[in-house]
Protein backbone atom coordinates (compact mmCIF):
# COMPACT_ATOMS: atom_id res chain seq x y z
CA GLU A 1 194.39 -92.48 -70.17
CA LYS A 2 192.87 -90.68 -67.43
CA GLY A 3 193.79 -87.98 -64.70
CA ALA A 4 196.22 -85.66 -65.36
CA ASN A 5 198.19 -87.11 -68.03
CA ALA A 6 195.24 -87.99 -70.35
CA VAL A 7 196.24 -85.15 -73.01
CA ARG A 8 200.25 -85.26 -72.49
CA ASN A 9 201.53 -85.33 -76.23
CA LYS A 10 197.96 -85.31 -77.59
CA ARG A 11 197.06 -83.13 -80.78
CA CYS A 12 194.06 -81.22 -79.93
CA LEU A 13 191.51 -79.08 -81.87
CA LEU A 14 189.18 -76.72 -80.17
CA VAL A 15 186.18 -75.67 -82.23
CA GLY A 16 184.99 -72.43 -80.94
CA ALA A 17 187.06 -69.59 -79.68
CA GLY A 18 184.89 -68.33 -76.48
CA GLY A 19 185.56 -68.40 -72.94
CA ALA A 20 185.25 -71.64 -72.37
CA ALA A 21 187.61 -72.48 -75.26
CA ARG A 22 190.39 -70.18 -73.68
CA ALA A 23 190.25 -71.92 -70.59
CA ILE A 24 190.46 -74.99 -71.97
CA ALA A 25 193.43 -74.35 -74.30
CA HIS A 26 195.09 -72.97 -71.43
CA GLY A 27 194.49 -76.33 -69.69
CA LEU A 28 195.32 -78.35 -72.37
CA LEU A 29 198.62 -76.68 -73.01
CA THR A 30 199.16 -76.91 -69.45
CA ALA A 31 198.82 -80.49 -69.10
CA GLY A 32 201.25 -81.12 -71.88
CA ALA A 33 199.11 -81.43 -75.27
CA ALA A 34 201.56 -81.33 -78.11
CA ASP A 35 199.38 -79.25 -80.05
CA VAL A 36 196.27 -77.05 -79.22
CA ALA A 37 194.85 -75.57 -82.60
CA VAL A 38 191.58 -73.35 -82.54
CA VAL A 39 188.97 -73.08 -85.55
CA ASN A 40 186.11 -70.66 -85.33
CA ARG A 41 183.54 -69.33 -87.54
CA THR A 42 185.31 -66.02 -87.46
CA ARG A 43 189.13 -66.30 -87.53
CA VAL A 44 189.72 -63.25 -85.88
CA ARG A 45 188.16 -64.72 -82.77
CA ALA A 46 190.61 -67.77 -83.12
CA VAL A 47 193.53 -65.41 -83.60
CA ALA A 48 192.48 -63.39 -80.38
CA LEU A 49 192.28 -66.55 -78.52
CA CYS A 50 195.65 -67.84 -79.74
CA ASN A 51 197.23 -64.39 -78.93
CA ALA A 52 195.76 -64.51 -75.24
CA VAL A 53 196.96 -68.22 -74.97
CA ASN A 54 200.63 -68.74 -75.73
CA GLY A 55 201.48 -72.10 -77.60
CA ALA A 56 197.85 -72.35 -78.93
CA ARG A 57 197.47 -71.63 -82.66
CA ALA A 58 194.77 -70.47 -85.05
CA LEU A 59 193.36 -72.23 -88.06
CA ASP A 60 192.05 -70.58 -90.86
CA ALA A 61 189.18 -73.45 -91.54
CA MET A 62 187.95 -76.66 -90.11
CA PRO A 63 190.52 -79.28 -91.33
CA SER A 64 188.67 -81.66 -94.31
CA LYS A 65 189.96 -84.81 -92.06
CA LEU A 66 190.97 -85.17 -88.50
CA SER A 67 193.67 -87.76 -89.04
CA ASP A 68 196.14 -85.84 -87.27
CA VAL A 69 193.83 -84.71 -84.11
CA ASP A 70 193.80 -86.97 -81.19
CA VAL A 71 191.31 -84.88 -78.98
CA LEU A 72 188.33 -82.75 -80.51
CA VAL A 73 186.73 -80.40 -78.05
CA GLN A 74 183.57 -78.68 -79.39
CA CYS A 75 183.44 -75.40 -77.32
CA THR A 76 180.48 -73.79 -79.35
CA SER A 77 176.94 -73.18 -77.88
CA LEU A 78 175.63 -75.37 -80.57
CA GLY A 79 173.94 -78.24 -79.25
CA HIS A 80 171.63 -77.14 -76.28
CA ASN A 81 168.57 -77.44 -79.04
CA ASP A 82 167.75 -80.14 -81.29
CA ALA A 83 167.50 -77.39 -83.98
CA ASP A 84 171.33 -76.71 -83.81
CA ALA A 85 173.59 -77.03 -86.64
CA ASP A 86 176.33 -79.59 -86.48
CA PRO A 87 179.55 -78.03 -85.26
CA VAL A 88 181.33 -80.32 -86.98
CA ASP A 89 180.55 -82.75 -89.77
CA PRO A 90 179.71 -86.03 -88.27
CA ALA A 91 181.58 -87.74 -91.10
CA LEU A 92 184.82 -86.46 -89.47
CA LEU A 93 184.04 -88.04 -86.16
CA VAL A 94 186.00 -91.46 -86.59
CA PRO A 95 187.98 -93.51 -84.01
CA PRO A 96 190.46 -93.08 -82.61
CA LEU A 97 189.25 -89.27 -82.04
CA LEU A 98 187.94 -88.76 -78.45
CA CYS A 99 185.43 -86.17 -78.76
CA CYS A 100 184.80 -83.84 -75.98
CA GLU A 101 181.86 -81.28 -75.22
CA VAL A 102 181.33 -78.24 -73.04
CA ILE A 103 177.85 -78.47 -73.09
CA HIS A 104 176.14 -80.10 -69.93
CA THR A 105 172.60 -79.89 -70.59
CA PRO A 106 171.61 -82.27 -72.57
CA ALA A 107 173.78 -84.69 -71.24
CA GLU A 108 174.24 -86.04 -74.48
CA THR A 109 174.35 -83.66 -77.29
CA ARG A 110 173.58 -84.74 -80.91
CA PHE A 111 177.58 -84.12 -81.60
CA LEU A 112 178.30 -86.60 -78.60
CA ALA A 113 175.66 -89.20 -79.87
CA ARG A 114 177.00 -89.05 -83.13
CA ALA A 115 180.62 -89.39 -82.15
CA ARG A 116 179.73 -92.27 -80.22
CA ALA A 117 177.58 -93.47 -82.98
CA ASN A 118 180.81 -93.50 -85.24
CA GLY A 119 182.66 -95.60 -82.72
CA CYS A 120 184.80 -92.54 -80.91
CA ASP A 121 185.11 -92.21 -77.25
CA THR A 122 183.35 -89.14 -76.00
CA HIS A 123 183.44 -86.98 -73.24
CA GLY A 124 180.29 -84.96 -71.93
CA GLY A 125 180.07 -81.54 -70.60
CA GLY A 126 178.98 -82.56 -67.17
CA HIS A 127 182.47 -82.83 -65.99
CA MET A 128 183.28 -79.03 -66.53
CA LEU A 129 179.94 -78.08 -64.60
CA ALA A 130 181.12 -80.30 -61.88
CA ALA A 131 184.38 -78.74 -61.84
CA GLN A 132 183.24 -75.34 -61.53
CA LEU A 133 180.61 -75.87 -58.67
CA ASP A 134 183.46 -77.55 -56.96
CA LYS A 135 185.41 -74.12 -56.94
């Protein structure tokens, strides 16, 4: 689906708990996402985000499988550099998962490239930058 209904009734997982994740969590819930879960290296930051965004929930750790997730949004700063660690184990990135990225440079991060190579649909961070420039 595209447009305003793209995430309606979808189960979403945000990796990272910074400012971008907070805005995305709010947007997903406003758009009708069925579930917005947040995981972060430090759980206290995930809990803080969820306390600020009514309806989001913090996870203790990254799930060992993503079969109950429809949309994964990579919200960490990992991906700007080739030397960065993988924010999500590439083995978890399997269809029908939609993998999204907040990083806009490079246009296709290693995370997105691996997700696409595994057969997942992907959505790069360029759209997020364009939306900010339109404001």
